[in-house]
Amino acid sequence: MTGEVRCANCGWAGEPAEACPRCGHPLTAGGPGAWSDLARTLRALGLGLEGPSSGLLKPASPPEQEEVPLPAPEPKGMKCVWFGATGSSVNSVAFSPDGRWVASGSGDDTVRVWEVASGRCRWVGKGHTNNVRSVVFSPDGRWVASGSNDCTVRVWEVSSGRCRWVGKGHTDWVNSVVFSPDGRWVASGSNDRTVRVWEASSGRCAWVGEGHTDGVRSVAFSPDGRWVASGSGDDTVRLWEVSSGRCRWVRKGHTWGVTSVVFSPDGRWVASGGGDGTVRVWEVSSGRCVWVGKGHKGIVESVAFSPDGRWVASGSNDCTVRVWEVSSGRCVWVGKGHTGIVASVAFSPDGRWVASGGWDRTVRVWEASSGRCAWVGEGHTNWVNSVVFSPDGRWVASGSWDGKVGLWEVGGP
């Protein structure tokens, strides 16, 4: 229609007139072009139109802007409550189940127990004749087991520091020791290519697991105590029956040695870290490899399950920490910040945090849900070899090549 006018108030259109016959609003001459001119004018004033037929005015939408992500907040410094000095590098640290004590194994051939509240060294266990590589508390907190380069396993009484027994039989370094969940057994893995299980009360060797063709670097008990998993430099993971010493299955997949093995809290899975830079998860019942986690660019030194079994954390020579989803094998996040090898990772008991120890001399605590680095602990003067959370999650203990044990307050200062 030529000469058409349109009401800007109610949207009526028709023959030219001074006022809209529908609402009485003054009319603007012109067709759609006039409507467009009006719209442009209104938008310039910060108003917009719902549409030609609505007659409704609304504030104009702001121009779209590219969303710029906010930078992640810088991690806070983590307070070191105390440092305890030993005579040489600290290779392994462990908390007692009640959280009162920290045990350490050192290159000066000793085992030490430290009081968490004060940092006082309660006792020094002497008897090993070479580097102590691994320490662990019994589930009841009464005993500490240690494995050494002198080829022996020792069990110490926590209350007195007395050596209860010495387990002899390995013919090379003992790299890893662990108590069974019921406290009846101690398993050890050695560079002599064997796994041994010892009776915790007497030190009697119950059985020797043979079959690995390279050193056994890591051993772990299943939560129900029925199985021991072992990881070896021969690229294999093995599962052993505790009651008989029989090897249930052997699986090869890693291509440059297995550095670390750990059971999931429900006992269904074993996670392994390898020299090939991968993390693998194996089904305990069948030995099937469920998934392979690829992404690390260096040796995976340490793996740990979250307390709910949903996640696996890994630390690598590529200076990163990764967290993987157990159900899918998806890498949830990559934690960057360390500038040296990440030698050890551990989950907090509530699963909220992941601690890592690096050869950049720092301890870091990461938010497990996001990968945000919350705190950095600085104070060690050499590589951090081992980190562990206290049972209540308030503290992280660290062992370093500088010969010191550190206790850090999570959330401090």
Protein backbone atom coordinates (compact mmCIF):
# COMPACT_ATOMS: atom_id res chain seq x y z
CA MET A 1 0.00 0.00 0.00
CA THR A 2 1.44 3.38 -1.02
CA GLY A 3 1.44 6.24 1.46
CA GLU A 4 0.95 3.83 4.29
CA VAL A 5 1.42 5.05 7.84
CA ARG A 6 2.12 2.92 10.89
CA CYS A 7 1.40 3.64 14.52
CA ALA A 8 4.56 3.44 16.65
CA ASN A 9 2.45 2.79 19.73
CA CYS A 10 0.09 -0.04 18.82
CA GLY A 11 1.38 -1.15 15.40
CA TRP A 12 -1.76 -0.25 13.39
CA ALA A 13 -1.08 0.45 9.66
CA GLY A 14 -3.33 2.22 7.17
CA GLU A 15 -4.18 5.37 5.22
CA PRO A 16 -2.39 8.56 6.32
CA ALA A 17 -4.03 10.36 9.19
CA GLU A 18 -3.05 12.76 11.94
CA ALA A 19 -3.75 10.25 14.72
CA CYS A 20 -4.12 6.49 14.99
CA PRO A 21 -7.81 5.50 14.78
CA ARG A 22 -7.06 2.60 17.21
CA CYS A 23 -5.18 4.31 20.05
CA GLY A 24 -5.09 8.01 19.17
CA HIS A 25 -1.30 8.14 19.05
CA PRO A 26 0.20 10.64 16.52
CA LEU A 27 1.12 8.83 13.30
CA THR A 28 4.48 8.84 11.46
CA ALA A 29 4.23 8.81 7.68
CA GLY A 30 6.06 6.23 5.65
CA GLY A 31 6.30 2.50 5.22
CA PRO A 32 8.74 -0.02 6.59
CA GLY A 33 11.58 2.39 5.93
CA ALA A 34 10.04 4.95 8.27
CA TRP A 35 9.67 2.19 10.86
CA SER A 36 13.34 1.43 10.46
CA ASP A 37 14.26 5.10 10.85
CA LEU A 38 12.24 5.22 14.04
CA ALA A 39 13.85 2.03 15.30
CA ARG A 40 17.32 3.40 14.67
CA THR A 41 16.44 6.61 16.51
CA LEU A 42 15.07 4.69 19.48
CA ARG A 43 18.09 2.40 19.63
CA ALA A 44 20.34 5.44 19.61
CA LEU A 45 18.45 6.57 22.70
CA GLY A 46 18.98 3.20 24.35
CA LEU A 47 15.55 1.78 23.51
CA GLY A 48 14.51 -1.04 21.22
CA LEU A 49 11.32 -2.40 19.64
CA GLU A 50 9.82 -5.83 20.11
CA GLY A 51 8.58 -5.86 16.52
CA PRO A 52 6.58 -3.87 13.97
CA SER A 53 3.27 -5.25 15.15
CA SER A 54 3.72 -5.13 18.90
CA GLY A 55 4.09 -1.43 19.54
CA LEU A 56 6.08 -2.31 22.70
CA LEU A 57 9.28 -0.59 23.67
CA LYS A 58 12.10 -2.28 25.57
CA PRO A 59 15.66 -1.40 26.52
CA ALA A 60 18.08 -2.28 23.75
CA SER A 61 20.34 -5.29 24.40
CA PRO A 62 23.96 -4.34 25.00
CA PRO A 63 26.31 -5.24 22.19
CA GLU A 64 27.72 -8.73 22.49
CA GLN A 65 31.26 -8.82 23.83
CA GLU A 66 33.77 -11.62 23.64
CA GLU A 67 33.95 -13.39 26.99
CA VAL A 68 37.44 -13.14 28.48
CA PRO A 69 38.18 -15.77 31.16
CA LEU A 70 39.42 -14.42 34.45
CA PRO A 71 42.98 -15.41 35.32
CA ALA A 72 43.29 -18.15 37.93
CA PRO A 73 44.20 -16.79 41.35
CA GLU A 74 47.82 -17.20 42.36
CA PRO A 75 48.38 -20.04 44.83
CA LYS A 76 48.97 -19.01 48.41
CA GLY A 77 52.04 -19.86 50.41
CA MET A 78 51.64 -22.90 52.64
CA LYS A 79 52.85 -22.65 56.20
CA CYS A 80 55.54 -25.11 57.28
CA VAL A 81 54.87 -25.95 60.93
CA TRP A 82 58.22 -27.66 61.46
CA PHE A 83 61.21 -29.24 59.78
CA GLY A 84 62.86 -32.30 61.29
CA ALA A 85 66.47 -32.94 60.30
CA THR A 86 67.92 -36.40 59.62
CA GLY A 87 71.41 -37.38 58.59
CA SER A 88 70.71 -37.81 54.88
CA SER A 89 68.05 -37.77 52.17
CA VAL A 90 64.51 -38.66 53.26
CA ASN A 91 63.10 -41.17 50.79
CA SER A 92 59.73 -42.04 52.33
CA VAL A 93 57.28 -40.60 54.87
CA ALA A 94 54.09 -42.05 56.38
CA PHE A 95 51.46 -40.94 58.91
CA SER A 96 50.24 -43.15 61.73
CA PRO A 97 46.51 -43.99 61.53
CA ASP A 98 45.75 -41.76 64.54
CA GLY A 99 47.69 -38.85 63.01
CA ARG A 100 50.00 -38.44 66.02
CA TRP A 101 53.22 -39.60 64.37
CA VAL A 102 55.17 -39.35 61.12
CA ALA A 103 57.66 -42.08 60.18
CA SER A 104 60.58 -41.42 57.84
CA GLY A 105 63.14 -43.58 56.08
CA SER A 106 66.48 -42.02 55.20
CA GLY A 107 69.73 -42.42 53.35
CA ASP A 108 71.56 -42.47 56.70
CA ASP A 109 70.20 -46.05 57.15
CA THR A 110 67.73 -45.01 59.88
CA VAL A 111 64.01 -45.04 60.55
CA ARG A 112 62.71 -42.13 62.60
CA VAL A 113 59.37 -41.40 64.24
CA TRP A 114 58.36 -37.76 64.76
CA GLU A 115 55.69 -36.27 66.99
CA VAL A 116 53.28 -34.28 64.83
CA ALA A 117 52.30 -31.84 67.59
CA SER A 118 55.85 -30.72 68.35
CA GLY A 119 58.18 -31.95 65.59
CA ARG A 120 60.20 -33.77 68.21
CA CYS A 121 61.97 -36.94 67.06
CA ARG A 122 60.61 -39.65 69.35
CA TRP A 123 63.19 -42.27 68.39
CA VAL A 124 65.78 -43.25 65.80
CA GLY A 125 65.71 -46.84 64.64
CA LYS A 126 69.19 -48.11 63.85
CA GLY A 127 69.99 -51.48 62.38
CA HIS A 128 69.74 -51.14 58.63
CA THR A 129 73.13 -50.97 56.99
CA ASN A 130 72.06 -49.11 53.85
CA ASN A 131 69.56 -46.60 52.49
CA VAL A 132 65.97 -47.00 53.83
CA ARG A 133 63.71 -46.70 50.79
CA SER A 134 60.20 -47.33 52.14
CA VAL A 135 58.31 -47.00 55.45
CA VAL A 136 54.70 -47.76 56.39
CA PHE A 137 52.58 -47.94 59.57
CA SER A 138 50.50 -50.94 60.52
CA PRO A 139 46.71 -50.36 60.49
CA ASP A 140 46.59 -50.34 64.30
CA GLY A 141 49.48 -47.89 64.51
CA ARG A 142 51.61 -50.08 66.77
CA TRP A 143 54.31 -50.96 64.22
CA VAL A 144 56.38 -49.45 61.42
CA ALA A 145 57.77 -51.60 58.61
CA SER A 146 60.82 -50.53 56.62
CA GLY A 147 62.55 -51.78 53.49
CA SER A 148 66.20 -51.05 52.73
CA ASN A 149 68.98 -51.31 50.21
CA ASP A 150 70.60 -53.75 52.66
CA CYS A 151 68.09 -56.34 51.31
CA THR A 152 66.16 -56.63 54.59
CA VAL A 153 62.70 -55.79 55.91
CA ARG A 154 62.39 -54.64 59.52
CA VAL A 155 59.42 -54.08 61.81
CA TRP A 156 59.71 -51.56 64.65
CA GLU A 157 57.59 -50.98 67.74
CA VAL A 158 56.20 -47.43 67.64
CA SER A 159 56.00 -46.98 71.41
CA SER A 160 59.66 -47.83 72.04
CA GLY A 161 61.60 -47.88 68.75
CA ARG A 162 62.56 -51.49 69.41
CA CYS A 163 63.17 -53.62 66.30
CA ARG A 164 60.70 -56.48 66.54
CA TRP A 165 62.17 -58.58 63.73
CA VAL A 166 64.44 -58.54 60.69
CA GLY A 167 63.27 -60.27 57.53
CA LYS A 168 66.12 -61.74 55.52
CA GLY A 169 65.82 -63.45 52.17
CA HIS A 170 65.87 -60.76 49.51
CA THR A 171 69.16 -60.57 47.66
CA ASP A 172 68.87 -56.99 46.36
CA TRP A 173 67.36 -53.63 47.34
CA VAL A 174 63.89 -53.65 48.91
CA ASN A 175 62.00 -50.89 47.10
CA SER A 176 58.54 -51.11 48.62
CA VAL A 177 56.86 -52.41 51.78
CA VAL A 178 53.19 -52.41 52.78
CA PHE A 179 51.00 -53.85 55.56
CA SER A 180 47.86 -55.83 54.82
CA PRO A 181 44.61 -54.11 55.91
CA ASP A 182 44.18 -56.53 58.84
CA GLY A 183 47.79 -56.07 59.93
CA ARG A 184 48.65 -59.78 59.68
CA TRP A 185 51.09 -59.54 56.77
CA VAL A 186 53.84 -57.36 55.34
CA ALA A 187 54.52 -57.51 51.60
CA SER A 188 57.83 -56.43 50.06
CA GLY A 189 59.05 -55.92 46.52
CA SER A 190 62.74 -56.10 45.62
CA ASN A 191 65.23 -55.58 42.84
CA ASP A 192 65.90 -59.33 43.15
CA ARG A 193 62.71 -59.71 41.03
CA THR A 194 60.64 -61.27 43.82
CA VAL A 195 57.67 -60.42 46.01
CA ARG A 196 57.72 -61.72 49.58
CA VAL A 197 54.96 -61.86 52.16
CA TRP A 198 55.98 -61.94 55.81
CA GLU A 199 54.00 -62.78 58.93
CA ALA A 200 53.81 -59.47 60.79
CA SER A 201 53.82 -61.01 64.25
CA SER A 202 56.91 -63.18 63.77
CA GLY A 203 58.79 -62.15 60.65
CA ARG A 204 58.37 -65.59 59.13
CA CYS A 205 58.40 -65.47 55.32
CA ALA A 206 55.12 -67.06 54.26
CA TRP A 207 55.89 -67.22 50.55
CA VAL A 208 58.09 -65.88 47.75
CA GLY A 209 56.50 -64.78 44.49
CA GLU A 210 58.76 -65.49 41.52
CA GLY A 211 58.17 -64.70 37.88
CA HIS A 212 59.13 -61.09 37.34
CA THR A 213 62.19 -60.73 35.13
CA ASP A 214 63.27 -57.33 36.45
CA GLY A 215 63.17 -55.50 39.77
CA VAL A 216 59.86 -55.12 41.62
CA ARG A 217 59.40 -51.41 42.20
CA SER A 218 56.01 -51.27 43.91
CA VAL A 219 53.64 -53.53 45.85
CA ALA A 220 50.12 -52.95 47.19
CA PHE A 221 47.50 -54.94 49.13
CA SER A 222 43.87 -55.07 48.07
CA PRO A 223 41.41 -53.54 50.57
CA ASP A 224 40.08 -56.99 51.50
CA GLY A 225 43.60 -58.36 51.99
CA ARG A 226 43.15 -61.21 49.52
CA TRP A 227 45.57 -59.96 46.85
CA VAL A 228 48.94 -58.30 46.38
CA ALA A 229 49.65 -56.37 43.20
CA SER A 230 53.21 -55.83 42.01
CA GLY A 231 54.73 -53.61 39.34
CA SER A 232 58.11 -54.34 37.80
CA GLY A 233 60.77 -53.04 35.48
CA ASP A 234 59.84 -55.94 33.19
CA ASP A 235 56.78 -53.89 32.04
CA THR A 236 54.28 -56.16 33.82
CA VAL A 237 51.72 -55.97 36.59
CA ARG A 238 51.10 -59.18 38.53
CA LEU A 239 48.34 -60.19 40.93
CA TRP A 240 49.21 -62.64 43.72
CA GLU A 241 46.89 -64.60 46.02
CA VAL A 242 47.89 -63.85 49.62
CA SER A 243 46.72 -67.17 51.06
CA SER A 244 48.82 -69.28 48.67
CA GLY A 245 51.37 -67.07 46.88
CA ARG A 246 49.93 -68.18 43.56
CA CYS A 247 50.14 -65.65 40.72
CA ARG A 248 46.59 -65.20 39.48
CA TRP A 249 47.46 -63.16 36.38
CA VAL A 250 50.28 -61.34 34.59
CA ARG A 251 49.59 -58.43 32.28
CA LYS A 252 51.96 -56.54 30.03
CA GLY A 253 51.09 -53.19 28.49
CA HIS A 254 53.58 -50.63 29.71
CA THR A 255 56.66 -50.43 27.54
CA TRP A 256 59.30 -49.00 29.88
CA GLY A 257 58.77 -50.49 33.29
CA VAL A 258 56.05 -50.13 35.94
CA THR A 259 56.92 -47.63 38.64
CA SER A 260 53.83 -47.59 40.88
CA VAL A 261 50.73 -49.71 41.60
CA VAL A 262 47.72 -49.01 43.80
CA PHE A 263 44.29 -50.60 44.44
CA SER A 264 41.01 -48.72 44.23
CA PRO A 265 39.16 -48.42 47.57
CA ASP A 266 36.52 -50.92 46.45
CA GLY A 267 39.17 -53.42 45.29
CA ARG A 268 37.83 -53.67 41.74
CA TRP A 269 40.75 -51.95 39.99
CA VAL A 270 44.51 -51.64 40.04
CA ALA A 271 46.08 -48.48 38.66
CA SER A 272 49.66 -48.49 37.41
CA GLY A 273 52.09 -45.80 36.30
CA GLY A 274 54.83 -46.53 33.81
CA GLY A 275 58.09 -45.33 32.39
CA ASP A 276 56.29 -44.99 29.05
CA GLY A 277 54.36 -41.99 30.41
CA THR A 278 51.01 -43.78 30.63
CA VAL A 279 48.56 -44.58 33.40
CA ARG A 280 46.69 -47.86 33.11
CA VAL A 281 43.72 -49.27 35.01
CA TRP A 282 43.29 -53.03 35.26
CA GLU A 283 40.25 -55.07 36.28
CA VAL A 284 41.19 -57.20 39.29
CA SER A 285 38.80 -60.04 38.50
CA SER A 286 40.07 -60.60 34.95
CA GLY A 287 43.31 -58.70 34.50
CA ARG A 288 41.76 -56.83 31.59
CA CYS A 289 43.21 -53.39 30.89
CA VAL A 290 40.19 -51.10 31.07
CA TRP A 291 41.87 -47.98 29.74
CA VAL A 292 45.22 -46.35 29.01
CA GLY A 293 45.71 -42.73 30.02
CA LYS A 294 48.01 -40.92 27.60
CA GLY A 295 49.23 -37.36 27.91
CA HIS A 296 52.26 -37.31 30.17
CA LYS A 297 55.51 -36.61 28.32
CA GLY A 298 57.75 -38.41 30.79
CA ILE A 299 57.91 -41.26 33.30
CA VAL A 300 54.90 -41.54 35.61
CA GLU A 301 56.52 -41.73 39.04
CA SER A 302 53.47 -42.06 41.29
CA VAL A 303 49.74 -42.90 41.12
CA ALA A 304 47.01 -42.62 43.76
CA PHE A 305 43.25 -43.31 43.93
CA SER A 306 40.81 -40.84 45.44
CA PRO A 307 39.02 -42.12 48.58
CA ASP A 308 35.74 -42.52 46.67
CA GLY A 309 37.47 -44.39 43.84
CA ARG A 310 36.27 -42.01 41.12
CA TRP A 311 39.65 -40.49 40.24
CA VAL A 312 43.30 -41.43 39.79
CA ALA A 313 46.05 -38.86 40.27
CA SER A 314 49.46 -39.19 38.61
CA GLY A 315 52.75 -37.35 38.93
CA SER A 316 55.35 -37.37 36.18
CA ASN A 317 58.85 -36.44 35.07
CA ASP A 318 57.19 -33.93 32.73
CA CYS A 319 56.62 -31.71 35.82
CA THR A 320 52.83 -32.10 35.76
CA VAL A 321 50.09 -33.63 37.87
CA ARG A 322 47.10 -35.18 36.11
CA VAL A 323 43.77 -36.43 37.39
CA TRP A 324 41.88 -39.11 35.44
CA GLU A 325 38.26 -40.24 35.58
CA VAL A 326 38.22 -43.92 36.49
CA SER A 327 34.95 -44.70 34.69
CA SER A 328 36.16 -43.39 31.32
CA GLY A 329 39.92 -42.82 31.41
CA ARG A 330 39.34 -39.17 30.52
CA CYS A 331 41.96 -36.72 31.79
CA VAL A 332 40.00 -34.25 33.90
CA TRP A 333 42.77 -31.72 34.42
CA VAL A 334 46.50 -31.12 34.10
CA GLY A 335 48.24 -29.32 36.95
CA LYS A 336 51.15 -27.19 35.80
CA GLY A 337 53.42 -25.29 38.14
CA HIS A 338 56.20 -27.62 39.22
CA THR A 339 59.47 -26.99 37.40
CA GLY A 340 60.99 -30.38 38.21
CA ILE A 341 60.02 -34.05 38.34
CA VAL A 342 56.83 -34.78 40.32
CA ALA A 343 57.97 -37.70 42.44
CA SER A 344 54.93 -38.27 44.65
CA VAL A 345 51.17 -37.61 44.69
CA ALA A 346 48.53 -38.25 47.36
CA PHE A 347 44.81 -37.55 47.85
CA SER A 348 43.45 -36.02 51.03
CA PRO A 349 41.17 -38.33 53.07
CA ASP A 350 38.08 -36.31 52.08
CA GLY A 351 39.09 -36.31 48.40
CA ARG A 352 39.07 -32.51 48.09
CA TRP A 353 42.80 -32.05 47.55
CA VAL A 354 45.77 -33.62 45.78
CA ALA A 355 49.26 -33.07 47.21
CA SER A 356 52.38 -33.33 45.09
CA GLY A 357 56.08 -33.25 45.84
CA GLY A 358 58.53 -32.11 43.20
CA TRP A 359 62.20 -31.93 42.43
CA ASP A 360 61.75 -28.17 42.22
CA ARG A 361 61.92 -28.34 46.06
CA THR A 362 58.23 -27.51 46.55
CA VAL A 363 55.09 -29.14 47.89
CA ARG A 364 51.87 -28.19 46.12
CA VAL A 365 48.22 -28.75 47.02
CA TRP A 366 45.68 -28.80 44.18
CA GLU A 367 41.89 -28.61 44.25
CA ALA A 368 40.81 -32.07 43.10
CA SER A 369 37.62 -30.88 41.41
CA SER A 370 39.20 -28.15 39.27
CA GLY A 371 42.98 -28.59 39.19
CA ARG A 372 43.51 -25.14 40.68
CA CYS A 373 46.75 -24.95 42.65
CA ALA A 374 45.65 -23.62 46.04
CA TRP A 375 48.92 -23.63 48.01
CA VAL A 376 52.64 -23.94 47.42
CA GLY A 377 55.00 -24.94 50.22
CA GLU A 378 58.52 -23.61 49.88
CA GLY A 379 61.37 -24.26 52.28
CA HIS A 380 63.03 -27.50 51.26
CA THR A 381 66.46 -26.95 49.75
CA ASN A 382 66.53 -30.07 47.59
CA TRP A 383 64.23 -32.52 45.83
CA VAL A 384 60.96 -33.54 47.51
CA ASN A 385 60.70 -37.32 47.23
CA SER A 386 57.56 -38.19 49.18
CA VAL A 387 54.31 -36.55 50.34
CA VAL A 388 51.40 -37.87 52.41
CA PHE A 389 48.25 -36.40 54.02
CA SER A 390 47.42 -36.82 57.68
CA PRO A 391 44.29 -38.91 58.42
CA ASP A 392 42.32 -35.76 59.31
CA GLY A 393 43.52 -33.91 56.20
CA ARG A 394 44.94 -30.97 58.17
CA TRP A 395 48.59 -31.66 57.38
CA VAL A 396 50.89 -32.79 54.61
CA ALA A 397 54.18 -34.42 55.51
CA SER A 398 57.08 -34.27 53.07
CA GLY A 399 60.44 -35.99 52.80
CA SER A 400 63.28 -34.40 50.88
CA TRP A 401 66.74 -35.01 49.56
CA ASP A 402 67.84 -32.15 51.82
CA GLY A 403 67.60 -34.56 54.77
CA LYS A 404 64.50 -32.97 56.27
CA VAL A 405 60.96 -34.02 57.07
CA GLY A 406 58.48 -31.16 56.70
CA LEU A 407 55.01 -30.72 58.18
CA TRP A 408 52.75 -28.31 56.27
CA GLU A 409 49.42 -26.86 57.30
CA VAL A 410 46.78 -27.34 54.61
CA GLY A 411 44.98 -24.03 54.22
CA GLY A 412 47.68 -22.01 56.01
CA PRO A 413 48.66 -19.36 56.50
